[in-house]
């Protein structure tokens, strides 16, 4: 394991200098999830939540959060994002329904977009919780994790399993 890159010679936090890194196309996909009861599932899928279209609002929240990542994660670089996409899929297990969230982010630059993808997926799950908490506060936000990333000097990464 190499040296920690986010500390200066005095042991204090610093933003890493990426000016010498090669500019490449970089992508990242992150997943998160939220498990809800049947009533919330029915209300979301039938667009019957009082606060509006839950998935549409969550998608916009994820995109907005992605664009603001460098403002909320202290050592993240502000980077020009060239693409953000968020998709949702449902799975049912007995009387529980899990919404799986996949956030895909792309840039052409000299640092990666893993944190942006993770932030987007997290914000989506939090937004679903916020919009549905009046019905049931017992929802559970699941694991949030990096699925894959491409580009950069450290090469590509791809998780083989989907964490639940």
N, C-alpha and C. Protein backbone atom coordinates (compact mmCIF):
# COMPACT_ATOMS: atom_id res chain seq x y z
N UNK A 1 0.85 -1.17 0.00
CA UNK A 1 0.00 0.00 0.00
C UNK A 1 0.89 1.22 0.00
N UNK A 2 0.60 2.17 -0.86
CA UNK A 2 1.40 3.39 -0.97
C UNK A 2 1.09 4.38 0.13
N UNK A 3 1.71 5.53 0.01
CA UNK A 3 1.48 6.59 0.98
C UNK A 3 0.07 7.16 0.80
N UNK A 4 -0.43 7.74 1.91
CA UNK A 4 -1.71 8.43 1.81
C UNK A 4 -1.50 9.70 0.99
N UNK A 5 -2.36 9.93 0.03
CA UNK A 5 -2.18 11.06 -0.89
C UNK A 5 -2.90 12.31 -0.45
N UNK A 6 -3.78 12.21 0.52
CA UNK A 6 -4.59 13.37 0.91
C UNK A 6 -4.06 14.07 2.17
N UNK A 7 -2.77 13.85 2.47
CA UNK A 7 -2.15 14.53 3.60
C UNK A 7 -0.87 15.21 3.13
N UNK A 8 -0.64 16.43 3.64
CA UNK A 8 0.59 17.13 3.30
C UNK A 8 1.72 16.71 4.25
N UNK A 9 2.88 17.34 4.13
CA UNK A 9 4.03 16.98 4.96
C UNK A 9 3.80 17.21 6.44
N UNK A 10 2.84 18.05 6.78
CA UNK A 10 2.50 18.31 8.17
C UNK A 10 1.43 17.37 8.70
N UNK A 11 0.97 16.45 7.86
CA UNK A 11 -0.06 15.51 8.26
C UNK A 11 -1.47 16.08 8.20
N UNK A 12 -1.63 17.21 7.51
CA UNK A 12 -2.93 17.85 7.39
C UNK A 12 -3.54 17.54 6.02
N UNK A 13 -4.85 17.64 5.97
CA UNK A 13 -5.58 17.32 4.74
C UNK A 13 -5.19 18.25 3.61
N UNK A 14 -5.15 17.69 2.41
CA UNK A 14 -4.92 18.48 1.20
C UNK A 14 -5.68 17.84 0.05
N UNK A 15 -5.95 18.63 -0.96
CA UNK A 15 -6.52 18.10 -2.19
C UNK A 15 -5.35 17.66 -3.06
N UNK A 16 -5.43 16.45 -3.57
CA UNK A 16 -4.37 15.90 -4.40
C UNK A 16 -4.23 16.72 -5.68
N UNK A 17 -3.00 16.95 -6.10
CA UNK A 17 -2.73 17.65 -7.36
C UNK A 17 -2.83 16.64 -8.50
N UNK A 18 -3.81 16.80 -9.38
CA UNK A 18 -4.00 15.87 -10.49
C UNK A 18 -3.57 16.48 -11.83
N UNK A 19 -2.88 17.59 -11.77
CA UNK A 19 -2.53 18.30 -13.01
C UNK A 19 -1.60 17.51 -13.92
N UNK A 20 -0.84 16.57 -13.39
CA UNK A 20 0.06 15.78 -14.22
C UNK A 20 -0.57 14.47 -14.71
N UNK A 21 -1.77 14.19 -14.27
CA UNK A 21 -2.44 12.97 -14.71
C UNK A 21 -2.92 13.12 -16.15
N UNK A 22 -2.94 12.00 -16.87
CA UNK A 22 -3.37 11.99 -18.26
C UNK A 22 -4.90 12.14 -18.31
N UNK A 23 -5.35 12.98 -19.22
CA UNK A 23 -6.79 13.15 -19.42
C UNK A 23 -7.30 11.98 -20.25
N UNK A 24 -8.27 11.25 -19.68
CA UNK A 24 -8.88 10.11 -20.37
C UNK A 24 -10.38 10.15 -20.12
N UNK A 25 -11.09 9.34 -20.90
CA UNK A 25 -12.51 9.15 -20.63
C UNK A 25 -12.60 8.26 -19.40
N UNK A 26 -13.40 8.67 -18.45
CA UNK A 26 -13.56 7.94 -17.20
C UNK A 26 -15.04 7.74 -16.92
N UNK A 27 -15.38 6.55 -16.48
CA UNK A 27 -16.77 6.25 -16.16
C UNK A 27 -16.84 5.57 -14.79
N UNK A 28 -18.00 5.63 -14.19
CA UNK A 28 -18.24 4.90 -12.95
C UNK A 28 -19.73 4.59 -12.85
N UNK A 29 -20.02 3.43 -12.29
CA UNK A 29 -21.39 3.03 -11.99
C UNK A 29 -21.43 2.66 -10.52
N UNK A 30 -22.40 3.22 -9.80
CA UNK A 30 -22.59 2.89 -8.39
C UNK A 30 -24.04 2.46 -8.18
N UNK A 31 -24.24 1.57 -7.23
CA UNK A 31 -25.57 1.10 -6.88
C UNK A 31 -25.91 1.47 -5.45
N UNK A 32 -27.19 1.64 -5.22
CA UNK A 32 -27.75 1.73 -3.88
C UNK A 32 -29.13 1.10 -3.94
N UNK A 33 -29.82 1.06 -2.82
CA UNK A 33 -31.16 0.49 -2.82
C UNK A 33 -31.93 1.00 -1.63
N UNK A 34 -33.24 0.84 -1.70
CA UNK A 34 -34.11 1.14 -0.57
C UNK A 34 -35.23 0.11 -0.57
N UNK A 35 -35.48 -0.46 0.60
CA UNK A 35 -36.51 -1.47 0.75
C UNK A 35 -37.72 -0.84 1.43
N UNK A 36 -38.88 -1.07 0.82
CA UNK A 36 -40.13 -0.45 1.28
C UNK A 36 -41.20 -1.52 1.43
N UNK A 37 -42.29 -1.15 2.09
CA UNK A 37 -43.42 -2.08 2.22
C UNK A 37 -44.31 -2.03 0.98
N UNK A 38 -45.30 -2.90 0.95
CA UNK A 38 -46.19 -2.99 -0.22
C UNK A 38 -46.96 -1.69 -0.46
N UNK A 39 -47.40 -1.04 0.60
CA UNK A 39 -48.16 0.20 0.42
C UNK A 39 -47.33 1.26 -0.29
N UNK A 40 -46.09 1.42 0.14
CA UNK A 40 -45.23 2.42 -0.52
C UNK A 40 -44.94 2.00 -1.95
N UNK A 41 -44.64 0.72 -2.16
CA UNK A 41 -44.39 0.22 -3.52
C UNK A 41 -45.59 0.54 -4.42
N UNK A 42 -46.79 0.21 -3.93
CA UNK A 42 -47.99 0.46 -4.73
C UNK A 42 -48.16 1.96 -5.02
N UNK A 43 -47.95 2.78 -4.02
CA UNK A 43 -48.11 4.22 -4.22
C UNK A 43 -47.08 4.77 -5.20
N UNK A 44 -45.84 4.30 -5.10
CA UNK A 44 -44.80 4.78 -6.03
C UNK A 44 -45.13 4.33 -7.46
N UNK A 45 -45.41 3.05 -7.62
CA UNK A 45 -45.62 2.53 -8.98
C UNK A 45 -46.92 3.02 -9.61
N UNK A 46 -47.87 3.42 -8.79
CA UNK A 46 -49.12 3.98 -9.32
C UNK A 46 -49.12 5.51 -9.29
N UNK A 47 -47.99 6.09 -8.97
CA UNK A 47 -47.82 7.55 -8.89
C UNK A 47 -48.90 8.18 -8.01
N UNK A 48 -49.03 7.65 -6.78
CA UNK A 48 -50.05 8.12 -5.85
C UNK A 48 -49.48 8.75 -4.58
N UNK A 49 -48.19 9.08 -4.58
CA UNK A 49 -47.61 9.74 -3.41
C UNK A 49 -47.99 11.22 -3.45
N UNK A 50 -48.35 11.76 -2.30
CA UNK A 50 -48.80 13.16 -2.23
C UNK A 50 -47.71 14.13 -2.69
N UNK A 51 -46.44 13.77 -2.49
CA UNK A 51 -45.35 14.67 -2.87
C UNK A 51 -45.02 14.62 -4.36
N UNK A 52 -45.66 13.71 -5.11
CA UNK A 52 -45.43 13.66 -6.55
C UNK A 52 -44.79 12.37 -7.01
N UNK A 53 -44.27 12.40 -8.22
CA UNK A 53 -43.66 11.24 -8.87
C UNK A 53 -42.30 10.96 -8.20
N UNK A 54 -42.29 9.98 -7.33
CA UNK A 54 -41.11 9.70 -6.50
C UNK A 54 -39.87 9.41 -7.33
N UNK A 55 -39.99 8.55 -8.33
CA UNK A 55 -38.80 8.18 -9.11
C UNK A 55 -38.29 9.33 -9.97
N UNK A 56 -39.20 10.13 -10.49
CA UNK A 56 -38.76 11.30 -11.28
C UNK A 56 -38.00 12.29 -10.39
N UNK A 57 -38.54 12.54 -9.20
CA UNK A 57 -37.87 13.46 -8.29
C UNK A 57 -36.54 12.88 -7.82
N UNK A 58 -36.51 11.59 -7.50
CA UNK A 58 -35.26 10.95 -7.06
C UNK A 58 -34.21 11.01 -8.16
N UNK A 59 -34.63 10.82 -9.40
CA UNK A 59 -33.68 10.87 -10.51
C UNK A 59 -33.06 12.26 -10.64
N UNK A 60 -33.89 13.27 -10.56
CA UNK A 60 -33.37 14.64 -10.63
C UNK A 60 -32.46 14.94 -9.42
N UNK A 61 -32.87 14.48 -8.24
CA UNK A 61 -32.04 14.68 -7.04
C UNK A 61 -30.68 14.02 -7.20
N UNK A 62 -30.66 12.82 -7.75
CA UNK A 62 -29.39 12.13 -7.97
C UNK A 62 -28.49 12.87 -8.94
N UNK A 63 -29.07 13.38 -10.01
CA UNK A 63 -28.29 14.14 -10.99
C UNK A 63 -27.75 15.43 -10.36
N UNK A 64 -28.61 16.11 -9.62
CA UNK A 64 -28.17 17.35 -8.97
C UNK A 64 -27.06 17.09 -7.95
N UNK A 65 -27.22 16.02 -7.15
CA UNK A 65 -26.21 15.68 -6.15
C UNK A 65 -24.89 15.32 -6.81
N UNK A 66 -24.97 14.59 -7.90
CA UNK A 66 -23.77 14.22 -8.65
C UNK A 66 -22.97 15.46 -9.05
N UNK A 67 -23.69 16.46 -9.55
CA UNK A 67 -23.05 17.70 -9.99
C UNK A 67 -22.47 18.50 -8.83
N UNK A 68 -22.93 18.25 -7.61
CA UNK A 68 -22.47 18.99 -6.43
C UNK A 68 -21.50 18.19 -5.56
N UNK A 69 -21.04 17.06 -6.02
CA UNK A 69 -20.20 16.18 -5.20
C UNK A 69 -19.01 16.91 -4.60
N UNK A 70 -18.32 17.71 -5.38
CA UNK A 70 -17.13 18.38 -4.86
C UNK A 70 -17.46 19.40 -3.77
N UNK A 71 -18.72 19.79 -3.67
CA UNK A 71 -19.12 20.73 -2.62
C UNK A 71 -19.45 20.03 -1.31
N UNK A 72 -19.72 18.72 -1.35
CA UNK A 72 -20.07 18.04 -0.11
C UNK A 72 -19.05 17.00 0.34
N UNK A 73 -18.18 16.54 -0.55
CA UNK A 73 -17.11 15.61 -0.19
C UNK A 73 -15.81 16.43 -0.22
N UNK A 74 -15.19 16.66 0.94
CA UNK A 74 -14.14 17.67 1.06
C UNK A 74 -12.98 17.60 0.06
N UNK A 75 -12.47 16.44 -0.27
CA UNK A 75 -11.27 16.38 -1.12
C UNK A 75 -11.56 16.06 -2.58
N UNK A 76 -12.82 16.06 -2.97
CA UNK A 76 -13.18 15.80 -4.37
C UNK A 76 -12.91 17.03 -5.22
N UNK A 77 -12.40 16.79 -6.41
CA UNK A 77 -12.16 17.87 -7.36
C UNK A 77 -13.46 18.22 -8.09
N UNK A 78 -13.70 19.50 -8.32
CA UNK A 78 -14.83 19.84 -9.20
C UNK A 78 -14.43 19.46 -10.63
N UNK A 79 -15.23 18.64 -11.26
CA UNK A 79 -14.86 18.16 -12.59
C UNK A 79 -16.02 18.35 -13.56
N UNK A 80 -15.70 18.51 -14.83
CA UNK A 80 -16.77 18.64 -15.83
C UNK A 80 -17.35 17.26 -16.14
N UNK A 81 -18.60 17.08 -15.81
CA UNK A 81 -19.27 15.81 -16.09
C UNK A 81 -19.86 15.86 -17.49
N UNK A 82 -19.68 14.79 -18.24
CA UNK A 82 -20.19 14.76 -19.61
C UNK A 82 -21.45 13.92 -19.74
N UNK A 83 -21.78 13.15 -18.70
CA UNK A 83 -22.99 12.36 -18.74
C UNK A 83 -23.35 11.80 -17.38
N UNK A 84 -24.63 11.79 -17.08
CA UNK A 84 -25.15 11.19 -15.85
C UNK A 84 -26.46 10.49 -16.22
N UNK A 85 -26.58 9.24 -15.81
CA UNK A 85 -27.83 8.51 -16.04
C UNK A 85 -28.14 7.70 -14.80
N UNK A 86 -29.40 7.64 -14.47
CA UNK A 86 -29.84 6.89 -13.29
C UNK A 86 -30.99 5.98 -13.71
N UNK A 87 -30.91 4.73 -13.29
CA UNK A 87 -31.98 3.79 -13.61
C UNK A 87 -32.45 3.08 -12.34
N UNK A 88 -33.69 2.60 -12.41
CA UNK A 88 -34.33 1.96 -11.26
C UNK A 88 -34.90 0.61 -11.67
N UNK A 89 -34.77 -0.37 -10.80
CA UNK A 89 -35.42 -1.67 -10.99
C UNK A 89 -35.97 -2.13 -9.64
N UNK A 90 -37.11 -2.79 -9.68
CA UNK A 90 -37.75 -3.32 -8.47
C UNK A 90 -37.54 -4.82 -8.37
N UNK A 91 -37.38 -5.29 -7.13
CA UNK A 91 -37.41 -6.72 -6.84
C UNK A 91 -38.28 -6.92 -5.60
N UNK A 92 -39.03 -8.02 -5.61
CA UNK A 92 -39.91 -8.33 -4.49
C UNK A 92 -39.43 -9.59 -3.80
N UNK A 93 -39.45 -9.56 -2.47
CA UNK A 93 -39.18 -10.74 -1.66
C UNK A 93 -40.21 -10.75 -0.54
N UNK A 94 -41.15 -11.68 -0.65
CA UNK A 94 -42.29 -11.75 0.27
C UNK A 94 -43.04 -10.42 0.26
N UNK A 95 -43.20 -9.76 1.41
CA UNK A 95 -43.97 -8.51 1.45
C UNK A 95 -43.07 -7.27 1.43
N UNK A 96 -41.82 -7.45 1.05
CA UNK A 96 -40.88 -6.34 0.95
C UNK A 96 -40.51 -6.10 -0.51
N UNK A 97 -40.38 -4.84 -0.86
CA UNK A 97 -40.04 -4.45 -2.23
C UNK A 97 -38.77 -3.62 -2.18
N UNK A 98 -37.78 -4.01 -2.97
CA UNK A 98 -36.51 -3.29 -2.98
C UNK A 98 -36.34 -2.58 -4.31
N UNK A 99 -36.11 -1.29 -4.21
CA UNK A 99 -35.81 -0.47 -5.38
C UNK A 99 -34.30 -0.41 -5.51
N UNK A 100 -33.77 -0.96 -6.61
CA UNK A 100 -32.34 -0.89 -6.87
C UNK A 100 -32.06 0.32 -7.76
N UNK A 101 -31.06 1.06 -7.38
CA UNK A 101 -30.70 2.30 -8.05
C UNK A 101 -29.31 2.12 -8.66
N UNK A 102 -29.17 2.45 -9.94
CA UNK A 102 -27.87 2.42 -10.61
C UNK A 102 -27.59 3.80 -11.17
N UNK A 103 -26.48 4.39 -10.75
CA UNK A 103 -26.07 5.71 -11.21
C UNK A 103 -24.82 5.57 -12.07
N UNK A 104 -24.90 6.01 -13.32
CA UNK A 104 -23.77 5.95 -14.26
C UNK A 104 -23.30 7.37 -14.54
N UNK A 105 -21.99 7.57 -14.44
CA UNK A 105 -21.42 8.91 -14.61
C UNK A 105 -20.23 8.82 -15.56
N UNK A 106 -20.05 9.87 -16.36
CA UNK A 106 -18.96 9.89 -17.33
C UNK A 106 -18.33 11.27 -17.39
N UNK A 107 -17.02 11.29 -17.62
CA UNK A 107 -16.29 12.54 -17.83
C UNK A 107 -15.10 12.27 -18.75
N UNK A 108 -14.51 13.32 -19.23
CA UNK A 108 -13.22 13.24 -19.90
C UNK A 108 -12.32 14.18 -19.13
N UNK A 109 -11.43 13.61 -18.35
CA UNK A 109 -10.62 14.46 -17.49
C UNK A 109 -9.47 13.70 -16.88
N UNK A 110 -8.89 14.30 -15.83
CA UNK A 110 -7.71 13.72 -15.22
C UNK A 110 -7.95 13.19 -13.80
N UNK A 111 -9.21 13.00 -13.45
CA UNK A 111 -9.56 12.31 -12.21
C UNK A 111 -10.90 11.60 -12.40
N UNK A 112 -11.11 10.56 -11.62
CA UNK A 112 -12.27 9.70 -11.82
C UNK A 112 -13.57 10.24 -11.27
N UNK A 113 -14.64 9.51 -11.54
CA UNK A 113 -15.99 9.93 -11.16
C UNK A 113 -16.67 8.93 -10.22
N UNK A 114 -15.86 8.15 -9.50
CA UNK A 114 -16.45 7.19 -8.57
C UNK A 114 -17.29 7.88 -7.49
N UNK A 115 -16.75 8.94 -6.92
CA UNK A 115 -17.46 9.63 -5.84
C UNK A 115 -18.75 10.27 -6.36
N UNK A 116 -18.73 10.75 -7.58
CA UNK A 116 -19.93 11.34 -8.17
C UNK A 116 -21.02 10.29 -8.33
N UNK A 117 -20.65 9.10 -8.80
CA UNK A 117 -21.63 8.02 -8.97
C UNK A 117 -22.19 7.57 -7.62
N UNK A 118 -21.32 7.43 -6.63
CA UNK A 118 -21.77 7.04 -5.29
C UNK A 118 -22.68 8.09 -4.67
N UNK A 119 -22.36 9.35 -4.88
CA UNK A 119 -23.18 10.44 -4.36
C UNK A 119 -24.55 10.45 -5.02
N UNK A 120 -24.58 10.24 -6.32
CA UNK A 120 -25.85 10.21 -7.05
C UNK A 120 -26.75 9.08 -6.55
N UNK A 121 -26.19 7.89 -6.43
CA UNK A 121 -26.98 6.74 -5.97
C UNK A 121 -27.50 6.97 -4.55
N UNK A 122 -26.66 7.52 -3.70
CA UNK A 122 -27.06 7.80 -2.31
C UNK A 122 -28.19 8.82 -2.25
N UNK A 123 -28.05 9.89 -3.02
CA UNK A 123 -29.06 10.94 -3.02
C UNK A 123 -30.41 10.43 -3.52
N UNK A 124 -30.39 9.52 -4.48
CA UNK A 124 -31.64 8.93 -4.96
C UNK A 124 -32.34 8.18 -3.83
N UNK A 125 -31.60 7.33 -3.14
CA UNK A 125 -32.19 6.55 -2.05
C UNK A 125 -32.72 7.47 -0.95
N UNK A 126 -31.96 8.48 -0.59
CA UNK A 126 -32.39 9.42 0.44
C UNK A 126 -33.66 10.17 0.02
N UNK A 127 -33.74 10.51 -1.25
CA UNK A 127 -34.91 11.23 -1.76
C UNK A 127 -36.16 10.35 -1.71
N UNK A 128 -36.02 9.09 -2.08
CA UNK A 128 -37.17 8.17 -1.98
C UNK A 128 -37.62 8.10 -0.52
N UNK A 129 -36.66 7.97 0.39
CA UNK A 129 -37.02 7.93 1.82
C UNK A 129 -37.77 9.20 2.22
N UNK A 130 -37.23 10.33 1.85
CA UNK A 130 -37.85 11.60 2.23
C UNK A 130 -39.26 11.73 1.69
N UNK A 131 -39.47 11.31 0.46
CA UNK A 131 -40.79 11.47 -0.16
C UNK A 131 -41.82 10.49 0.37
N UNK A 132 -41.36 9.40 1.02
CA UNK A 132 -42.28 8.36 1.46
C UNK A 132 -42.37 8.21 2.97
N UNK A 133 -41.59 8.96 3.70
CA UNK A 133 -41.53 8.77 5.16
C UNK A 133 -42.84 9.06 5.87
N UNK A 134 -43.74 9.83 5.29
CA UNK A 134 -45.04 10.08 5.92
C UNK A 134 -45.88 8.81 5.95
N UNK A 135 -45.63 7.89 5.03
CA UNK A 135 -46.38 6.64 4.97
C UNK A 135 -45.77 5.61 5.92
N UNK A 136 -44.42 5.53 5.93
CA UNK A 136 -43.74 4.54 6.77
C UNK A 136 -42.28 4.96 6.95
N UNK A 137 -41.88 5.14 8.19
CA UNK A 137 -40.50 5.50 8.48
C UNK A 137 -39.59 4.28 8.61
N UNK A 138 -40.14 3.09 8.41
CA UNK A 138 -39.37 1.86 8.57
C UNK A 138 -38.62 1.41 7.33
N UNK A 139 -38.57 2.25 6.30
CA UNK A 139 -37.82 1.89 5.09
C UNK A 139 -36.34 1.73 5.44
N UNK A 140 -35.65 0.89 4.67
CA UNK A 140 -34.24 0.65 4.92
C UNK A 140 -33.44 0.95 3.66
N UNK A 141 -32.50 1.86 3.79
CA UNK A 141 -31.59 2.13 2.68
C UNK A 141 -30.49 1.07 2.73
N UNK A 142 -30.27 0.44 1.59
CA UNK A 142 -29.33 -0.68 1.53
C UNK A 142 -27.90 -0.24 1.25
N UNK A 143 -27.10 -1.22 0.93
CA UNK A 143 -25.68 -0.99 0.67
C UNK A 143 -25.51 -0.10 -0.55
N UNK A 144 -24.56 0.80 -0.43
CA UNK A 144 -24.19 1.67 -1.55
C UNK A 144 -22.75 1.32 -1.89
N UNK A 145 -22.50 1.05 -3.16
CA UNK A 145 -21.17 0.57 -3.52
C UNK A 145 -20.85 0.84 -4.99
N UNK A 146 -19.56 0.83 -5.29
CA UNK A 146 -19.07 0.99 -6.65
C UNK A 146 -19.22 -0.34 -7.38
N UNK A 147 -19.86 -0.31 -8.54
CA UNK A 147 -20.04 -1.50 -9.37
C UNK A 147 -18.87 -1.63 -10.33
N UNK A 148 -18.54 -0.52 -11.00
CA UNK A 148 -17.40 -0.54 -11.91
C UNK A 148 -16.92 0.87 -12.19
N UNK A 149 -15.66 0.91 -12.64
CA UNK A 149 -15.10 2.18 -13.08
C UNK A 149 -14.11 1.89 -14.18
N UNK A 150 -13.97 2.86 -15.10
CA UNK A 150 -13.01 2.72 -16.19
C UNK A 150 -12.18 3.99 -16.29
N UNK A 151 -11.00 3.85 -16.89
CA UNK A 151 -10.12 4.98 -17.13
C UNK A 151 -9.18 5.24 -15.97
N UNK A 152 -8.16 6.04 -16.26
CA UNK A 152 -7.21 6.41 -15.22
C UNK A 152 -6.04 5.47 -15.12
N UNK A 153 -5.03 5.90 -14.36
CA UNK A 153 -3.78 5.12 -14.26
C UNK A 153 -3.95 3.81 -13.50
N UNK A 154 -4.94 3.73 -12.62
CA UNK A 154 -5.15 2.50 -11.86
C UNK A 154 -5.96 1.47 -12.63
N UNK A 155 -6.40 1.82 -13.82
CA UNK A 155 -7.11 0.87 -14.66
C UNK A 155 -8.56 0.68 -14.28
N UNK A 156 -9.14 -0.35 -14.84
CA UNK A 156 -10.56 -0.61 -14.67
C UNK A 156 -10.82 -1.47 -13.44
N UNK A 157 -12.04 -1.35 -12.94
CA UNK A 157 -12.51 -2.15 -11.81
C UNK A 157 -13.91 -2.61 -12.14
N UNK A 158 -14.20 -3.87 -11.85
CA UNK A 158 -15.57 -4.37 -12.03
C UNK A 158 -15.88 -5.36 -10.93
N UNK A 159 -16.93 -5.04 -10.17
CA UNK A 159 -17.41 -5.94 -9.11
C UNK A 159 -18.20 -7.05 -9.78
N UNK A 160 -17.94 -8.25 -9.39
CA UNK A 160 -18.61 -9.41 -10.00
C UNK A 160 -19.95 -9.73 -9.35
N UNK A 161 -20.14 -9.34 -8.09
CA UNK A 161 -21.37 -9.65 -7.40
C UNK A 161 -22.18 -8.39 -7.13
N UNK A 162 -23.48 -8.54 -7.02
CA UNK A 162 -24.34 -7.42 -6.62
C UNK A 162 -24.62 -7.58 -5.15
N UNK A 163 -24.23 -6.61 -4.39
CA UNK A 163 -24.45 -6.66 -2.94
C UNK A 163 -25.90 -6.32 -2.64
N UNK A 164 -26.46 -7.00 -1.68
CA UNK A 164 -27.85 -6.71 -1.29
C UNK A 164 -27.86 -6.20 0.13
